[in-house]
Amino acid sequence: MFRTRLLSGIVLVIIALALIILGGNVLLAGLFAVSMIGMFELYRVFHIEKSLLGATGYLAAAIYYLNLIFPFIPDVEVFVLGFLILVMAVYVLRFPVYKADQVFAAFAGMFYVAVMLSCIYQTRMMAGGAYIVWLIFLCSWGSDTCAYCVGVLIGKHKMAPRLSPKKSVEGAVGGVLGAALLTILYAWIFQEQMKLNINYMFMLAGISAIGAGISMIGDLAASAIKRNYDIKDYGKLIPGHGGILDRFDSVIFTAPCIYFLVKYLM
């Protein structure tokens, strides 16, 4: 099991490296594919993955991603409200085929997966994004590793015993501090390429610390949905890891956090 998990993790990292280094439309296409799979996994929890209601979510995600390349939506509110109206139209025209929780899952799920993951692309495309984008993964996967190590060594106080009994407060603190330290190290190595002074290095460390804290919310939110609907994993696409949502649950929350913090603070 460990070998399978390790090998699939290595393959996943290689694919992520390739997509992010290439950037541009290649990265966007990769994220779109990941989003479609992630939405399918989430919609499957609510039994709408192959329904007309689910199709409205897939269509909205496709329109949103297309708009990132060829901006044609004049206002984001037009997109949000248009999607809501479309979902509600399917609800009322096919009543009583769908339940209210399925309708709102279709609506929220598109933003939860597709829109939030698109922030990886948007971060990559900003000035200095070729380097800043890696903070998303330092805050999610890096902090998760640090939290696990600290939790194993000194973890005593449970952080969310009903959702994730193995997570501790000490581990959470270790994850946040670990993400900040990893970012300082990363910024120091690439300070010339990123054109950073000491103040910006510590600002990035603070941003990463915030991102690490929010990544834990993403992890626990995905766990909460699984607990509510009594499922172990969202899928089996990644051997030893589960589905896309099992592996990217924290990245989903970290991506918009890093994108907007860097955009408005740096």
Protein backbone atom coordinates (compact mmCIF):
# COMPACT_ATOMS: atom_id res chain seq x y z
CA MET A 1 0.00 0.00 0.00
CA PHE A 2 2.80 2.42 0.92
CA ARG A 3 4.67 1.62 -2.29
CA THR A 4 1.56 2.22 -4.39
CA ARG A 5 0.84 5.49 -2.59
CA LEU A 6 4.45 6.63 -3.01
CA LEU A 7 4.64 5.79 -6.73
CA SER A 8 1.31 7.40 -7.56
CA GLY A 9 2.35 10.45 -5.51
CA ILE A 10 5.58 10.75 -7.52
CA VAL A 11 3.68 10.51 -10.80
CA LEU A 12 1.22 13.15 -9.57
CA VAL A 13 4.06 15.52 -8.65
CA ILE A 14 5.73 15.02 -12.05
CA ILE A 15 2.48 15.83 -13.86
CA ALA A 16 1.92 18.89 -11.67
CA LEU A 17 5.48 20.07 -12.30
CA ALA A 18 5.12 19.69 -16.06
CA LEU A 19 1.79 21.52 -16.22
CA ILE A 20 2.86 24.42 -14.02
CA ILE A 21 6.24 24.87 -15.68
CA LEU A 22 4.61 24.94 -19.11
CA GLY A 23 1.85 27.24 -17.86
CA GLY A 24 -0.50 29.02 -20.26
CA ASN A 25 -3.18 27.08 -22.08
CA VAL A 26 -1.53 23.75 -21.25
CA LEU A 27 -1.93 24.42 -17.53
CA LEU A 28 -5.47 25.72 -18.03
CA ALA A 29 -6.45 22.61 -20.01
CA GLY A 30 -4.96 20.39 -17.31
CA LEU A 31 -6.82 22.24 -14.57
CA PHE A 32 -10.04 22.03 -16.55
CA ALA A 33 -9.66 18.26 -16.83
CA VAL A 34 -8.92 17.98 -13.11
CA SER A 35 -11.93 20.20 -12.35
CA MET A 36 -14.26 18.07 -14.47
CA ILE A 37 -13.14 14.92 -12.66
CA GLY A 38 -13.39 16.63 -9.28
CA MET A 39 -16.90 17.90 -10.04
CA PHE A 40 -17.92 14.44 -11.21
CA GLU A 41 -16.67 12.98 -7.92
CA LEU A 42 -18.52 15.60 -5.87
CA TYR A 43 -21.72 15.33 -7.91
CA ARG A 44 -21.59 11.55 -7.51
CA VAL A 45 -21.97 12.04 -3.75
CA PHE A 46 -25.31 13.73 -4.48
CA HIS A 47 -26.26 11.31 -7.30
CA ILE A 48 -26.34 13.97 -10.01
CA GLU A 49 -23.07 13.18 -11.79
CA LYS A 50 -24.80 11.90 -14.95
CA SER A 51 -27.92 14.02 -14.81
CA LEU A 52 -29.13 17.16 -16.56
CA LEU A 53 -28.52 19.04 -13.33
CA GLY A 54 -24.92 17.86 -13.26
CA ALA A 55 -24.53 18.79 -16.93
CA THR A 56 -25.41 22.40 -16.11
CA GLY A 57 -22.50 22.46 -13.69
CA TYR A 58 -20.08 21.01 -16.25
CA LEU A 59 -21.30 23.53 -18.84
CA ALA A 60 -20.85 26.44 -16.44
CA ALA A 61 -17.31 25.29 -15.65
CA ALA A 62 -16.48 25.06 -19.36
CA ILE A 63 -17.82 28.58 -19.96
CA TYR A 64 -15.86 29.91 -16.99
CA TYR A 65 -12.58 28.39 -18.18
CA LEU A 66 -13.16 29.55 -21.74
CA ASN A 67 -13.72 33.06 -20.40
CA LEU A 68 -10.26 32.97 -18.81
CA ILE A 69 -8.75 32.67 -22.30
CA PHE A 70 -11.21 34.77 -24.29
CA PRO A 71 -12.93 37.19 -21.89
CA PHE A 72 -16.49 37.64 -23.07
CA ILE A 73 -18.44 37.80 -19.80
CA PRO A 74 -18.82 41.53 -18.97
CA ASP A 75 -19.29 41.05 -15.23
CA VAL A 76 -18.72 38.09 -12.93
CA GLU A 77 -22.13 38.71 -11.39
CA VAL A 78 -23.70 38.03 -14.79
CA PHE A 79 -22.05 34.62 -14.80
CA VAL A 80 -23.00 33.77 -11.20
CA LEU A 81 -26.61 34.85 -11.54
CA GLY A 82 -26.98 33.30 -14.97
CA PHE A 83 -25.72 29.97 -13.67
CA LEU A 84 -28.05 30.17 -10.66
CA ILE A 85 -31.04 30.88 -12.89
CA LEU A 86 -30.12 27.99 -15.18
CA VAL A 87 -29.82 25.58 -12.26
CA MET A 88 -33.13 26.70 -10.80
CA ALA A 89 -34.76 26.39 -14.23
CA VAL A 90 -33.68 22.75 -14.42
CA TYR A 91 -35.01 22.28 -10.88
CA VAL A 92 -38.49 23.63 -11.56
CA LEU A 93 -38.90 22.28 -15.10
CA ARG A 94 -37.96 18.76 -14.01
CA PHE A 95 -39.70 18.89 -10.62
CA PRO A 96 -39.84 16.64 -8.61
CA VAL A 97 -36.88 14.79 -10.14
CA TYR A 98 -34.30 16.69 -8.08
CA LYS A 99 -34.18 17.55 -4.40
CA ALA A 100 -33.18 20.97 -3.09
CA ASP A 101 -29.86 19.71 -1.68
CA GLN A 102 -28.92 18.34 -5.10
CA VAL A 103 -29.71 21.68 -6.74
CA PHE A 104 -27.55 23.66 -4.36
CA ALA A 105 -24.80 21.04 -4.58
CA ALA A 106 -24.77 21.47 -8.36
CA PHE A 107 -24.48 25.25 -7.97
CA ALA A 108 -21.94 25.40 -5.14
CA GLY A 109 -19.93 22.44 -6.43
CA MET A 110 -18.91 24.25 -9.59
CA PHE A 111 -17.42 27.14 -7.60
CA TYR A 112 -15.98 24.82 -4.94
CA VAL A 113 -14.01 22.79 -7.47
CA ALA A 114 -13.65 24.49 -10.86
CA VAL A 115 -13.48 28.17 -9.95
CA MET A 116 -11.24 27.73 -6.92
CA LEU A 117 -8.82 25.45 -8.78
CA SER A 118 -8.63 27.96 -11.63
CA CYS A 119 -6.78 30.27 -9.24
CA ILE A 120 -3.71 28.10 -9.80
CA TYR A 121 -3.74 29.23 -13.44
CA GLN A 122 -4.50 32.83 -12.50
CA THR A 123 -1.62 32.84 -10.03
CA ARG A 124 0.72 31.34 -12.63
CA MET A 125 -0.23 34.06 -15.14
CA MET A 126 0.35 37.03 -12.81
CA ALA A 127 3.66 38.95 -12.71
CA GLY A 128 6.23 36.64 -11.12
CA GLY A 129 3.64 33.86 -11.15
CA ALA A 130 6.11 31.27 -12.42
CA TYR A 131 7.62 31.33 -8.92
CA ILE A 132 4.71 32.50 -6.75
CA VAL A 133 2.43 29.68 -7.91
CA TRP A 134 4.53 27.13 -6.02
CA LEU A 135 3.46 28.75 -2.73
CA ILE A 136 0.05 27.13 -3.27
CA PHE A 137 1.62 23.71 -2.96
CA LEU A 138 3.99 24.72 -0.17
CA CYS A 139 0.93 25.86 1.79
CA SER A 140 -1.06 22.70 1.12
CA TRP A 141 1.12 19.66 0.60
CA GLY A 142 4.15 21.14 2.38
CA SER A 143 2.23 22.22 5.46
CA ASP A 144 0.39 18.90 5.50
CA THR A 145 3.71 17.04 5.68
CA CYS A 146 5.00 19.33 8.44
CA ALA A 147 1.73 18.99 10.37
CA TYR A 148 1.89 15.20 10.13
CA CYS A 149 5.51 15.06 11.39
CA VAL A 150 4.87 17.43 14.30
CA GLY A 151 1.61 15.70 15.14
CA VAL A 152 3.28 12.29 15.28
CA LEU A 153 6.09 13.61 17.48
CA ILE A 154 4.28 15.82 20.00
CA GLY A 155 0.60 15.91 19.06
CA LYS A 156 -1.69 15.53 22.09
CA HIS A 157 -4.68 17.84 21.71
CA LYS A 158 -7.22 16.83 19.07
CA MET A 159 -8.13 19.59 16.63
CA ALA A 160 -11.30 18.10 15.11
CA PRO A 161 -11.88 14.68 16.71
CA ARG A 162 -15.17 14.01 14.93
CA LEU A 163 -13.84 14.85 11.48
CA SER A 164 -10.22 13.77 11.62
CA PRO A 165 -9.19 12.08 14.89
CA LYS A 166 -5.50 11.98 13.94
CA LYS A 167 -5.13 15.74 13.47
CA SER A 168 -3.83 17.65 16.48
CA VAL A 169 -3.55 21.30 17.47
CA GLU A 170 0.21 20.87 17.75
CA GLY A 171 0.31 19.45 14.24
CA ALA A 172 -1.73 22.38 12.93
CA VAL A 173 0.69 24.87 14.47
CA GLY A 174 3.59 22.88 13.05
CA GLY A 175 1.98 22.96 9.63
CA VAL A 176 1.52 26.74 9.68
CA LEU A 177 5.06 27.40 10.93
CA GLY A 178 6.45 24.80 8.55
CA ALA A 179 4.79 26.48 5.56
CA ALA A 180 6.22 29.84 6.61
CA LEU A 181 9.74 28.42 7.02
CA LEU A 182 9.57 26.54 3.73
CA THR A 183 8.51 29.76 2.02
CA ILE A 184 11.42 31.69 3.53
CA LEU A 185 13.79 28.99 2.29
CA TYR A 186 12.15 28.97 -1.13
CA ALA A 187 12.20 32.78 -1.39
CA TRP A 188 15.85 32.89 -0.30
CA ILE A 189 16.84 30.37 -3.00
CA PHE A 190 14.98 32.26 -5.74
CA GLN A 191 15.29 35.79 -4.39
CA GLU A 192 17.17 37.06 -7.45
CA GLN A 193 14.70 35.57 -9.92
CA MET A 194 11.75 36.85 -7.86
CA LYS A 195 13.48 40.19 -7.19
CA LEU A 196 12.71 40.05 -3.49
CA ASN A 197 14.12 41.99 -0.59
CA ILE A 198 13.97 40.77 3.01
CA ASN A 199 10.66 42.52 3.70
CA TYR A 200 8.91 40.82 0.80
CA MET A 201 10.39 37.47 1.79
CA PHE A 202 8.78 37.70 5.20
CA MET A 203 5.56 39.01 3.67
CA LEU A 204 5.41 35.90 1.49
CA ALA A 205 6.07 33.78 4.58
CA GLY A 206 3.11 35.43 6.30
CA ILE A 207 0.93 34.84 3.25
CA SER A 208 1.98 31.18 3.24
CA ALA A 209 1.17 30.87 6.95
CA ILE A 210 -2.35 32.16 6.28
CA GLY A 211 -2.64 29.83 3.31
CA ALA A 212 -1.55 26.87 5.41
CA GLY A 213 -4.23 27.63 8.00
CA ILE A 214 -6.89 27.88 5.32
CA SER A 215 -5.66 24.68 3.66
CA MET A 216 -6.64 22.82 6.82
CA ILE A 217 -10.18 24.15 6.46
CA GLY A 218 -10.22 22.75 2.93
CA ASP A 219 -9.01 19.38 4.16
CA LEU A 220 -11.58 19.22 6.95
CA ALA A 221 -14.40 20.51 4.73
CA ALA A 222 -13.83 17.64 2.30
CA SER A 223 -13.77 15.23 5.25
CA ALA A 224 -17.00 16.69 6.61
CA ILE A 225 -18.82 16.00 3.34
CA LYS A 226 -17.54 12.43 3.36
CA ARG A 227 -18.69 11.99 6.96
CA ASN A 228 -22.12 13.39 6.18
CA TYR A 229 -22.61 10.99 3.30
CA ASP A 230 -20.73 8.03 4.80
CA ILE A 231 -18.10 7.57 2.08
CA LYS A 232 -14.43 6.71 2.53
CA ASP A 233 -12.96 8.30 -0.60
CA TYR A 234 -14.30 10.46 -3.40
CA GLY A 235 -12.84 8.14 -6.02
CA LYS A 236 -10.12 5.66 -6.95
CA LEU A 237 -8.37 7.57 -9.74
CA ILE A 238 -5.10 8.01 -7.82
CA PRO A 239 -3.98 4.65 -6.35
CA GLY A 240 -3.33 4.93 -2.64
CA HIS A 241 -4.72 8.47 -2.46
CA GLY A 242 -8.33 8.17 -3.62
CA GLY A 243 -9.91 10.64 -6.00
CA ILE A 244 -9.05 14.13 -7.17
CA LEU A 245 -10.89 15.71 -4.25
CA ASP A 246 -9.06 13.47 -1.78
CA ARG A 247 -5.71 14.73 -3.04
CA PHE A 248 -6.59 18.34 -3.90
CA ASP A 249 -8.96 19.14 -1.01
CA SER A 250 -6.50 21.53 0.63
CA VAL A 251 -5.17 22.93 -2.67
CA ILE A 252 -8.72 23.95 -3.60
CA PHE A 253 -8.81 26.37 -0.66
CA THR A 254 -5.18 27.43 -0.76
CA ALA A 255 -5.16 28.46 -4.44
CA PRO A 256 -7.60 31.41 -4.16
CA CYS A 257 -6.09 32.40 -0.82
CA ILE A 258 -2.58 32.77 -2.27
CA TYR A 259 -3.84 34.36 -5.48
CA PHE A 260 -5.82 37.14 -3.83
CA LEU A 261 -3.37 37.79 -0.98
CA VAL A 262 -0.47 38.18 -3.40
CA LYS A 263 -2.57 40.19 -5.84
CA TYR A 264 -3.65 42.75 -3.28
CA LEU A 265 -0.73 42.77 -0.84
CA MET A 266 2.39 42.41 -3.00
